[in-house]
PDB file of N, CA and C in Angstrom:
ATOM      1  N   UNK A   1    -130.464   3.046 -64.004  1.00  0.00           N
ATOM      2  CA  UNK A   1    -129.413   3.345 -63.319  1.00  0.00           C
ATOM      3  C   UNK A   1    -128.802   2.638 -62.083  1.00  0.00           C
ATOM      4  N   UNK A   2    -129.766   2.231 -61.459  1.00  0.00           N
ATOM      5  CA  UNK A   2    -129.580   1.499 -60.292  1.00  0.00           C
ATOM      6  C   UNK A   2    -129.000   0.102 -60.464  1.00  0.00           C
ATOM      7  N   UNK A   3    -129.407  -0.456 -61.604  1.00  0.00           N
ATOM      8  CA  UNK A   3    -129.046  -1.719 -61.901  1.00  0.00           C
ATOM      9  C   UNK A   3    -127.602  -1.647 -62.499  1.00  0.00           C
ATOM     10  N   UNK A   4    -127.016  -0.743 -63.086  1.00  0.00           N
ATOM     11  CA  UNK A   4    -125.370  -0.520 -63.371  1.00  0.00           C
ATOM     12  C   UNK A   4    -124.790  -0.467 -62.173  1.00  0.00           C
ATOM     13  N   UNK A   5    -125.227   0.041 -61.181  1.00  0.00           N
ATOM     14  CA  UNK A   5    -124.462   0.382 -59.840  1.00  0.00           C
ATOM     15  C   UNK A   5    -124.372  -1.204 -59.293  1.00  0.00           C
ATOM     16  N   UNK A   6    -125.346  -1.621 -59.264  1.00  0.00           N
ATOM     17  CA  UNK A   6    -125.564  -3.128 -58.250  1.00  0.00           C
ATOM     18  C   UNK A   6    -124.368  -3.947 -59.294  1.00  0.00           C
ATOM     19  N   UNK A   7    -124.528  -3.868 -60.548  1.00  0.00           N
ATOM     20  CA  UNK A   7    -123.593  -4.851 -61.571  1.00  0.00           C
ATOM     21  C   UNK A   7    -122.245  -4.334 -61.251  1.00  0.00           C
ATOM     22  N   UNK A   8    -122.174  -2.921 -61.369  1.00  0.00           N
ATOM     23  CA  UNK A   8    -120.480  -2.603 -61.114  1.00  0.00           C
ATOM     24  C   UNK A   8    -119.899  -3.108 -59.692  1.00  0.00           C
ATOM     25  N   UNK A   9    -120.873  -3.072 -58.931  1.00  0.00           N
ATOM     26  CA  UNK A   9    -120.416  -3.480 -57.371  1.00  0.00           C
ATOM     27  C   UNK A   9    -120.219  -4.848 -57.247  1.00  0.00           C
ATOM     28  N   UNK A  10    -120.940  -5.852 -57.897  1.00  0.00           N
ATOM     29  CA  UNK A  10    -120.913  -6.950 -58.024  1.00  0.00           C
ATOM     30  C   UNK A  10    -119.621  -7.428 -58.890  1.00  0.00           C
ATOM     31  N   UNK A  11    -119.278  -6.731 -59.982  1.00  0.00           N
ATOM     32  CA  UNK A  11    -118.027  -7.115 -60.788  1.00  0.00           C
ATOM     33  C   UNK A  11    -116.761  -6.675 -59.990  1.00  0.00           C
ATOM     34  N   UNK A  12    -116.648  -5.571 -59.355  1.00  0.00           N
ATOM     35  CA  UNK A  12    -115.820  -5.229 -58.447  1.00  0.00           C
ATOM     36  C   UNK A  12    -115.549  -6.404 -57.045  1.00  0.00           C
ATOM     37  N   UNK A  13    -116.690  -6.726 -56.684  1.00  0.00           N
ATOM     38  CA  UNK A  13    -116.590  -7.505 -55.436  1.00  0.00           C
ATOM     39  C   UNK A  13    -116.155  -9.102 -55.955  1.00  0.00           C
ATOM     40  N   UNK A  14    -116.473  -9.431 -57.040  1.00  0.00           N
ATOM     41  CA  UNK A  14    -115.888 -10.675 -57.789  1.00  0.00           C
ATOM     42  C   UNK A  14    -114.179 -10.610 -57.923  1.00  0.00           C
ATOM     43  N   UNK A  15    -114.002  -9.322 -58.714  1.00  0.00           N
ATOM     44  CA  UNK A  15    -112.398  -9.082 -58.972  1.00  0.00           C
ATOM     45  C   UNK A  15    -111.845  -9.099 -57.781  1.00  0.00           C
ATOM     46  N   UNK A  16    -112.420  -8.534 -56.607  1.00  0.00           N
ATOM     47  CA  UNK A  16    -111.517  -8.410 -55.576  1.00  0.00           C
ATOM     48  C   UNK A  16    -111.454  -9.762 -54.747  1.00  0.00           C
ATOM     49  N   UNK A  17    -112.265 -10.489 -54.905  1.00  0.00           N
ATOM     50  CA  UNK A  17    -112.255 -11.809 -54.157  1.00  0.00           C
ATOM     51  C   UNK A  17    -111.342 -12.722 -54.982  1.00  0.00           C
ATOM     52  N   UNK A  18    -110.926 -12.647 -56.387  1.00  0.00           N
ATOM     53  CA  UNK A  18    -110.358 -13.382 -57.233  1.00  0.00           C
ATOM     54  C   UNK A  18    -108.625 -12.778 -57.411  1.00  0.00           C
ATOM     55  N   UNK A  19    -108.287 -11.909 -56.497  1.00  0.00           N
ATOM     56  CA  UNK A  19    -107.045 -11.209 -56.735  1.00  0.00           C
ATOM     57  C   UNK A  19    -105.882 -12.263 -56.297  1.00  0.00           C
ATOM     58  N   UNK A  20    -104.746 -12.181 -56.780  1.00  0.00           N
ATOM     59  CA  UNK A  20    -103.636 -13.005 -56.212  1.00  0.00           C
ATOM     60  C   UNK A  20    -103.149 -12.979 -55.059  1.00  0.00           C
ATOM     61  N   UNK A  21    -103.372 -11.711 -54.351  1.00  0.00           N
ATOM     62  CA  UNK A  21    -102.956 -11.462 -52.851  1.00  0.00           C
ATOM     63  C   UNK A  21    -103.743 -12.326 -52.017  1.00  0.00           C
ATOM     64  N   UNK A  22    -104.834 -12.758 -52.128  1.00  0.00           N
ATOM     65  CA  UNK A  22    -105.628 -13.712 -51.396  1.00  0.00           C
ATOM     66  C   UNK A  22    -105.186 -15.001 -51.053  1.00  0.00           C
ATOM     67  N   UNK A  23    -104.354 -15.504 -52.205  1.00  0.00           N
ATOM     68  CA  UNK A  23    -103.532 -16.724 -52.007  1.00  0.00           C
ATOM     69  C   UNK A  23    -102.797 -16.778 -50.712  1.00  0.00           C
ATOM     70  N   UNK A  24    -103.008 -17.976 -50.241  1.00  0.00           N
ATOM     71  CA  UNK A  24    -102.221 -18.249 -48.894  1.00  0.00           C
ATOM     72  C   UNK A  24    -100.713 -18.246 -49.232  1.00  0.00           C
ATOM     73  N   UNK A  25     -99.813 -17.594 -48.560  1.00  0.00           N
ATOM     74  CA  UNK A  25     -98.371 -17.751 -48.818  1.00  0.00           C
ATOM     75  C   UNK A  25     -97.819 -18.508 -47.924  1.00  0.00           C
ATOM     76  N   UNK A  26     -96.746 -19.483 -48.085  1.00  0.00           N
ATOM     77  CA  UNK A  26     -96.335 -20.255 -47.143  1.00  0.00           C
ATOM     78  C   UNK A  26     -94.910 -19.908 -47.334  1.00  0.00           C
ATOM     79  N   UNK A  27     -94.544 -18.961 -46.436  1.00  0.00           N
ATOM     80  CA  UNK A  27     -92.946 -18.549 -46.144  1.00  0.00           C
ATOM     81  C   UNK A  27     -92.332 -19.278 -45.518  1.00  0.00           C
ATOM     82  N   UNK A  28     -92.791 -20.162 -44.537  1.00  0.00           N
ATOM     83  CA  UNK A  28     -91.938 -21.267 -43.865  1.00  0.00           C
ATOM     84  C   UNK A  28     -91.744 -22.470 -44.661  1.00  0.00           C
ATOM     85  N   UNK A  29     -90.595 -22.755 -44.899  1.00  0.00           N
ATOM     86  CA  UNK A  29     -90.343 -23.745 -45.370  1.00  0.00           C
ATOM     87  C   UNK A  29     -90.511 -25.355 -44.652  1.00  0.00           C
ATOM     88  N   UNK A  30     -90.329 -26.447 -45.059  1.00  0.00           N
ATOM     89  CA  UNK A  30     -90.957 -27.644 -44.332  1.00  0.00           C
ATOM     90  C   UNK A  30     -89.583 -28.010 -43.461  1.00  0.00           C
ATOM     91  N   UNK A  31     -89.954 -27.870 -42.401  1.00  0.00           N
ATOM     92  CA  UNK A  31     -88.682 -28.150 -41.348  1.00  0.00           C
ATOM     93  C   UNK A  31     -88.732 -29.376 -40.896  1.00  0.00           C
ATOM     94  N   UNK A  32     -87.737 -29.943 -40.214  1.00  0.00           N
ATOM     95  CA  UNK A  32     -87.885 -31.389 -39.488  1.00  0.00           C
ATOM     96  C   UNK A  32     -87.336 -32.482 -40.384  1.00  0.00           C
ATOM     97  N   UNK A  33     -87.580 -33.610 -39.799  1.00  0.00           N
ATOM     98  CA  UNK A  33     -87.271 -35.030 -40.489  1.00  0.00           C
ATOM     99  C   UNK A  33     -88.386 -35.362 -41.320  1.00  0.00           C
ATOM    100  N   UNK A  34     -87.891 -35.989 -42.403  1.00  0.00           N
ATOM    101  CA  UNK A  34     -89.002 -36.782 -43.380  1.00  0.00           C
ATOM    102  C   UNK A  34     -89.584 -37.791 -42.581  1.00  0.00           C
ATOM    103  N   UNK A  35     -88.877 -38.449 -41.863  1.00  0.00           N
ATOM    104  CA  UNK A  35     -89.818 -39.804 -41.215  1.00  0.00           C
ATOM    105  C   UNK A  35     -90.768 -39.335 -40.273  1.00  0.00           C
ATOM    106  N   UNK A  36     -90.815 -38.086 -39.858  1.00  0.00           N
ATOM    107  CA  UNK A  36     -91.554 -37.696 -38.766  1.00  0.00           C
ATOM    108  C   UNK A  36     -92.920 -36.882 -39.231  1.00  0.00           C
ATOM    109  N   UNK A  37     -92.750 -36.619 -40.612  1.00  0.00           N
ATOM    110  CA  UNK A  37     -93.804 -35.793 -41.198  1.00  0.00           C
ATOM    111  C   UNK A  37     -95.354 -36.176 -40.780  1.00  0.00           C
ATOM    112  N   UNK A  38     -95.327 -37.464 -40.841  1.00  0.00           N
ATOM    113  CA  UNK A  38     -96.714 -38.157 -40.632  1.00  0.00           C
ATOM    114  C   UNK A  38     -97.247 -37.979 -39.243  1.00  0.00           C
ATOM    115  N   UNK A  39     -96.463 -37.525 -38.622  1.00  0.00           N
ATOM    116  CA  UNK A  39     -96.949 -37.159 -37.024  1.00  0.00           C
ATOM    117  C   UNK A  39     -97.839 -35.956 -37.138  1.00  0.00           C
ATOM    118  N   UNK A  40     -97.689 -34.918 -38.035  1.00  0.00           N
ATOM    119  CA  UNK A  40     -98.622 -33.890 -38.002  1.00  0.00           C
ATOM    120  C   UNK A  40    -100.114 -34.267 -38.383  1.00  0.00           C
ATOM    121  N   UNK A  41    -100.484 -35.409 -38.756  1.00  0.00           N
ATOM    122  CA  UNK A  41    -101.792 -35.869 -39.012  1.00  0.00           C
ATOM    123  C   UNK A  41    -102.447 -36.021 -37.725  1.00  0.00           C
ATOM    124  N   UNK A  42    -101.641 -35.895 -36.595  1.00  0.00           N
ATOM    125  CA  UNK A  42    -102.461 -35.881 -35.294  1.00  0.00           C
ATOM    126  C   UNK A  42    -103.453 -34.791 -35.060  1.00  0.00           C
ATOM    127  N   UNK A  43    -103.080 -33.533 -35.882  1.00  0.00           N
ATOM    128  CA  UNK A  43    -103.714 -32.599 -35.935  1.00  0.00           C
ATOM    129  C   UNK A  43    -105.373 -32.829 -36.273  1.00  0.00           C
ATOM    130  N   UNK A  44    -105.537 -33.693 -37.100  1.00  0.00           N
ATOM    131  CA  UNK A  44    -106.861 -34.329 -37.742  1.00  0.00           C
ATOM    132  C   UNK A  44    -107.753 -34.870 -36.401  1.00  0.00           C
ATOM    133  N   UNK A  45    -107.095 -35.336 -35.307  1.00  0.00           N
ATOM    134  CA  UNK A  45    -108.296 -35.778 -34.181  1.00  0.00           C
ATOM    135  C   UNK A  45    -107.757 -35.018 -32.912  1.00  0.00           C
ATOM    136  N   UNK A  46    -107.294 -33.626 -33.262  1.00  0.00           N
ATOM    137  CA  UNK A  46    -107.384 -32.849 -31.818  1.00  0.00           C
ATOM    138  C   UNK A  46    -106.077 -32.417 -31.574  1.00  0.00           C
ATOM    139  N   UNK A  47    -105.098 -33.115 -31.519  1.00  0.00           N
ATOM    140  CA  UNK A  47    -103.466 -32.894 -31.021  1.00  0.00           C
ATOM    141  C   UNK A  47    -103.053 -32.043 -31.926  1.00  0.00           C
ATOM    142  N   UNK A  48    -102.097 -31.296 -31.236  1.00  0.00           N
ATOM    143  CA  UNK A  48    -101.146 -30.331 -31.934  1.00  0.00           C
ATOM    144  C   UNK A  48    -100.032 -31.175 -32.833  1.00  0.00           C
ATOM    145  N   UNK A  49    -100.164 -31.415 -33.723  1.00  0.00           N
ATOM    146  CA  UNK A  49     -99.489 -32.420 -34.590  1.00  0.00           C
ATOM    147  C   UNK A  49     -98.170 -31.759 -34.984  1.00  0.00           C
ATOM    148  N   UNK A  50     -97.970 -30.421 -35.225  1.00  0.00           N
ATOM    149  CA  UNK A  50     -96.752 -29.621 -35.202  1.00  0.00           C
ATOM    150  C   UNK A  50     -95.949 -29.857 -34.069  1.00  0.00           C
ATOM    151  N   UNK A  51     -96.435 -29.599 -32.735  1.00  0.00           N
ATOM    152  CA  UNK A  51     -95.993 -29.928 -31.553  1.00  0.00           C
ATOM    153  C   UNK A  51     -95.227 -31.235 -31.297  1.00  0.00           C
ATOM    154  N   UNK A  52     -95.979 -32.201 -31.609  1.00  0.00           N
ATOM    155  CA  UNK A  52     -95.746 -33.691 -31.320  1.00  0.00           C
ATOM    156  C   UNK A  52     -94.450 -33.976 -32.279  1.00  0.00           C
ATOM    157  N   UNK A  53     -94.736 -33.541 -33.646  1.00  0.00           N
ATOM    158  CA  UNK A  53     -93.455 -33.694 -34.573  1.00  0.00           C
ATOM    159  C   UNK A  53     -92.098 -32.995 -34.220  1.00  0.00           C
ATOM    160  N   UNK A  54     -92.278 -31.654 -33.685  1.00  0.00           N
ATOM    161  CA  UNK A  54     -91.107 -31.174 -33.125  1.00  0.00           C
ATOM    162  C   UNK A  54     -90.633 -31.782 -31.909  1.00  0.00           C
ATOM    163  N   UNK A  55     -91.212 -32.395 -30.994  1.00  0.00           N
ATOM    164  CA  UNK A  55     -90.802 -32.827 -29.906  1.00  0.00           C
ATOM    165  C   UNK A  55     -90.100 -34.355 -30.426  1.00  0.00           C
ATOM    166  N   UNK A  56     -90.612 -35.188 -31.387  1.00  0.00           N
ATOM    167  CA  UNK A  56     -90.041 -36.327 -31.589  1.00  0.00           C
ATOM    168  C   UNK A  56     -88.892 -36.039 -32.491  1.00  0.00           C
ATOM    169  N   UNK A  57     -88.739 -34.917 -33.255  1.00  0.00           N
ATOM    170  CA  UNK A  57     -87.631 -34.576 -33.963  1.00  0.00           C
ATOM    171  C   UNK A  57     -86.463 -34.039 -33.064  1.00  0.00           C
ATOM    172  N   UNK A  58     -86.897 -33.251 -31.936  1.00  0.00           N
ATOM    173  CA  UNK A  58     -85.859 -32.999 -31.196  1.00  0.00           C
ATOM    174  C   UNK A  58     -85.332 -34.204 -30.284  1.00  0.00           C
ATOM    175  N   UNK A  59     -86.152 -35.199 -30.153  1.00  0.00           N
ATOM    176  CA  UNK A  59     -85.503 -36.283 -29.384  1.00  0.00           C
ATOM    177  C   UNK A  59     -84.707 -37.236 -30.373  1.00  0.00           C
ATOM    178  N   UNK A  60     -84.928 -37.387 -31.450  1.00  0.00           N
ATOM    179  CA  UNK A  60     -84.323 -37.902 -32.485  1.00  0.00           C
ATOM    180  C   UNK A  60     -83.075 -37.467 -32.706  1.00  0.00           C
ATOM    181  N   UNK A  61     -82.969 -35.942 -32.640  1.00  0.00           N
ATOM    182  CA  UNK A  61     -81.586 -35.309 -32.839  1.00  0.00           C
ATOM    183  C   UNK A  61     -80.715 -35.615 -31.589  1.00  0.00           C
ATOM    184  N   UNK A  62     -81.268 -35.439 -30.624  1.00  0.00           N
ATOM    185  CA  UNK A  62     -80.456 -35.673 -29.214  1.00  0.00           C
ATOM    186  C   UNK A  62     -79.770 -37.051 -29.305  1.00  0.00           C
ATOM    187  N   UNK A  63     -80.779 -37.841 -29.614  1.00  0.00           N
ATOM    188  CA  UNK A  63     -80.261 -39.420 -29.839  1.00  0.00           C
ATOM    189  C   UNK A  63     -79.133 -39.497 -30.591  1.00  0.00           C
ATOM    190  N   UNK A  64     -79.246 -38.906 -32.055  1.00  0.00           N
ATOM    191  CA  UNK A  64     -78.174 -39.096 -32.894  1.00  0.00           C
ATOM    192  C   UNK A  64     -76.689 -38.314 -32.525  1.00  0.00           C
ATOM    193  N   UNK A  65     -77.091 -37.279 -31.773  1.00  0.00           N
ATOM    194  CA  UNK A  65     -75.788 -36.540 -31.089  1.00  0.00           C
ATOM    195  C   UNK A  65     -75.033 -37.348 -30.029  1.00  0.00           C
ATOM    196  N   UNK A  66     -76.141 -38.138 -29.107  1.00  0.00           N
ATOM    197  CA  UNK A  66     -75.277 -39.096 -28.154  1.00  0.00           C
ATOM    198  C   UNK A  66     -74.825 -40.230 -28.857  1.00  0.00           C
ATOM    199  N   UNK A  67     -75.349 -40.807 -30.046  1.00  0.00           N
ATOM    200  CA  UNK A  67     -74.715 -41.857 -30.551  1.00  0.00           C
ATOM    201  C   UNK A  67     -73.334 -41.486 -31.325  1.00  0.00           C
ATOM    202  N   UNK A  68     -73.257 -40.438 -31.806  1.00  0.00           N
ATOM    203  CA  UNK A  68     -72.101 -39.777 -32.474  1.00  0.00           C
ATOM    204  C   UNK A  68     -70.818 -39.746 -31.531  1.00  0.00           C
ATOM    205  N   UNK A  69     -71.504 -38.991 -30.039  1.00  0.00           N
ATOM    206  CA  UNK A  69     -70.538 -38.956 -29.016  1.00  0.00           C
ATOM    207  C   UNK A  69     -69.970 -40.261 -28.586  1.00  0.00           C
ATOM    208  N   UNK A  70     -70.636 -41.346 -28.755  1.00  0.00           N
ATOM    209  CA  UNK A  70     -70.452 -42.569 -28.181  1.00  0.00           C
ATOM    210  C   UNK A  70     -69.488 -43.458 -29.239  1.00  0.00           C
ATOM    211  N   UNK A  71     -69.716 -43.052 -30.673  1.00  0.00           N
ATOM    212  CA  UNK A  71     -68.978 -43.332 -31.591  1.00  0.00           C
ATOM    213  C   UNK A  71     -67.423 -42.795 -31.388  1.00  0.00           C
ATOM    214  N   UNK A  72     -67.335 -41.722 -31.089  1.00  0.00           N
ATOM    215  CA  UNK A  72     -66.187 -40.935 -31.053  1.00  0.00           C
ATOM    216  C   UNK A  72     -65.153 -41.795 -29.790  1.00  0.00           C
ATOM    217  N   UNK A  73     -66.058 -41.725 -28.799  1.00  0.00           N
ATOM    218  CA  UNK A  73     -65.328 -42.587 -27.581  1.00  0.00           C
ATOM    219  C   UNK A  73     -64.781 -43.709 -28.001  1.00  0.00           C
ATOM    220  N   UNK A  74     -65.542 -44.722 -28.605  1.00  0.00           N
ATOM    221  CA  UNK A  74     -65.233 -46.123 -29.179  1.00  0.00           C
ATOM    222  C   UNK A  74     -64.119 -46.129 -30.244  1.00  0.00           C
ATOM    223  N   UNK A  75     -64.036 -45.124 -30.987  1.00  0.00           N
ATOM    224  CA  UNK A  75     -62.995 -45.125 -32.028  1.00  0.00           C
ATOM    225  C   UNK A  75     -61.571 -45.482 -31.485  1.00  0.00           C
ATOM    226  N   UNK A  76     -60.716 -45.793 -32.009  1.00  0.00           N
ATOM    227  CA  UNK A  76     -59.363 -46.021 -31.623  1.00  0.00           C
ATOM    228  C   UNK A  76     -58.647 -44.822 -31.268  1.00  0.00           C
ATOM    229  N   UNK A  77     -57.804 -44.491 -30.378  1.00  0.00           N
ATOM    230  CA  UNK A  77     -57.123 -43.405 -30.175  1.00  0.00           C
ATOM    231  C   UNK A  77     -56.014 -43.417 -30.980  1.00  0.00           C
ATOM    232  N   UNK A  78     -54.937 -42.480 -30.831  1.00  0.00           N
ATOM    233  CA  UNK A  78     -53.867 -42.268 -31.678  1.00  0.00           C
ATOM    234  C   UNK A  78     -52.859 -43.226 -31.535  1.00  0.00           C
ATOM    235  N   UNK A  79     -52.864 -44.003 -30.400  1.00  0.00           N
ATOM    236  CA  UNK A  79     -52.043 -45.078 -30.158  1.00  0.00           C
ATOM    237  C   UNK A  79     -52.469 -46.417 -30.370  1.00  0.00           C
ATOM    238  N   UNK A  80     -53.877 -46.378 -31.075  1.00  0.00           N
ATOM    239  CA  UNK A  80     -54.207 -47.643 -31.546  1.00  0.00           C
ATOM    240  C   UNK A  80     -55.138 -48.518 -30.547  1.00  0.00           C
ATOM    241  N   UNK A  81     -55.065 -47.925 -29.399  1.00  0.00           N
ATOM    242  CA  UNK A  81     -55.909 -48.617 -28.334  1.00  0.00           C
ATOM    243  C   UNK A  81     -57.222 -47.952 -28.062  1.00  0.00           C
ATOM    244  N   UNK A  82     -58.232 -48.902 -27.820  1.00  0.00           N
ATOM    245  CA  UNK A  82     -59.525 -48.232 -27.713  1.00  0.00           C
ATOM    246  C   UNK A  82     -59.781 -47.723 -26.064  1.00  0.00           C
ATOM    247  N   UNK A  83     -60.455 -46.854 -26.183  1.00  0.00           N
ATOM    248  CA  UNK A  83     -60.751 -45.970 -24.791  1.00  0.00           C
ATOM    249  C   UNK A  83     -61.710 -46.703 -23.984  1.00  0.00           C
ATOM    250  N   UNK A  84     -61.158 -46.811 -22.561  1.00  0.00           N
ATOM    251  CA  UNK A  84     -62.320 -48.094 -21.631  1.00  0.00           C
ATOM    252  C   UNK A  84     -63.690 -47.468 -21.532  1.00  0.00           C
TER     253      UNK A  84
END
């Protein structure tokens, strides 16, 4: 009788360990620029790769915004002249 209880407990433990709910669920989609994805590899050597990537993405986004603003300023106005 004891062997049946041990076997039953073993089977239940195995089935509980193999349940689909134990699979890691990634609800967060990949955010950020594709060209900075490799920066997350810095986590392998002890740095916070996600924070580094986030900072670089933020800097690149600000640079892109600044470049767009400059392009708007340099485009010819409605009178055909460039702004100084």
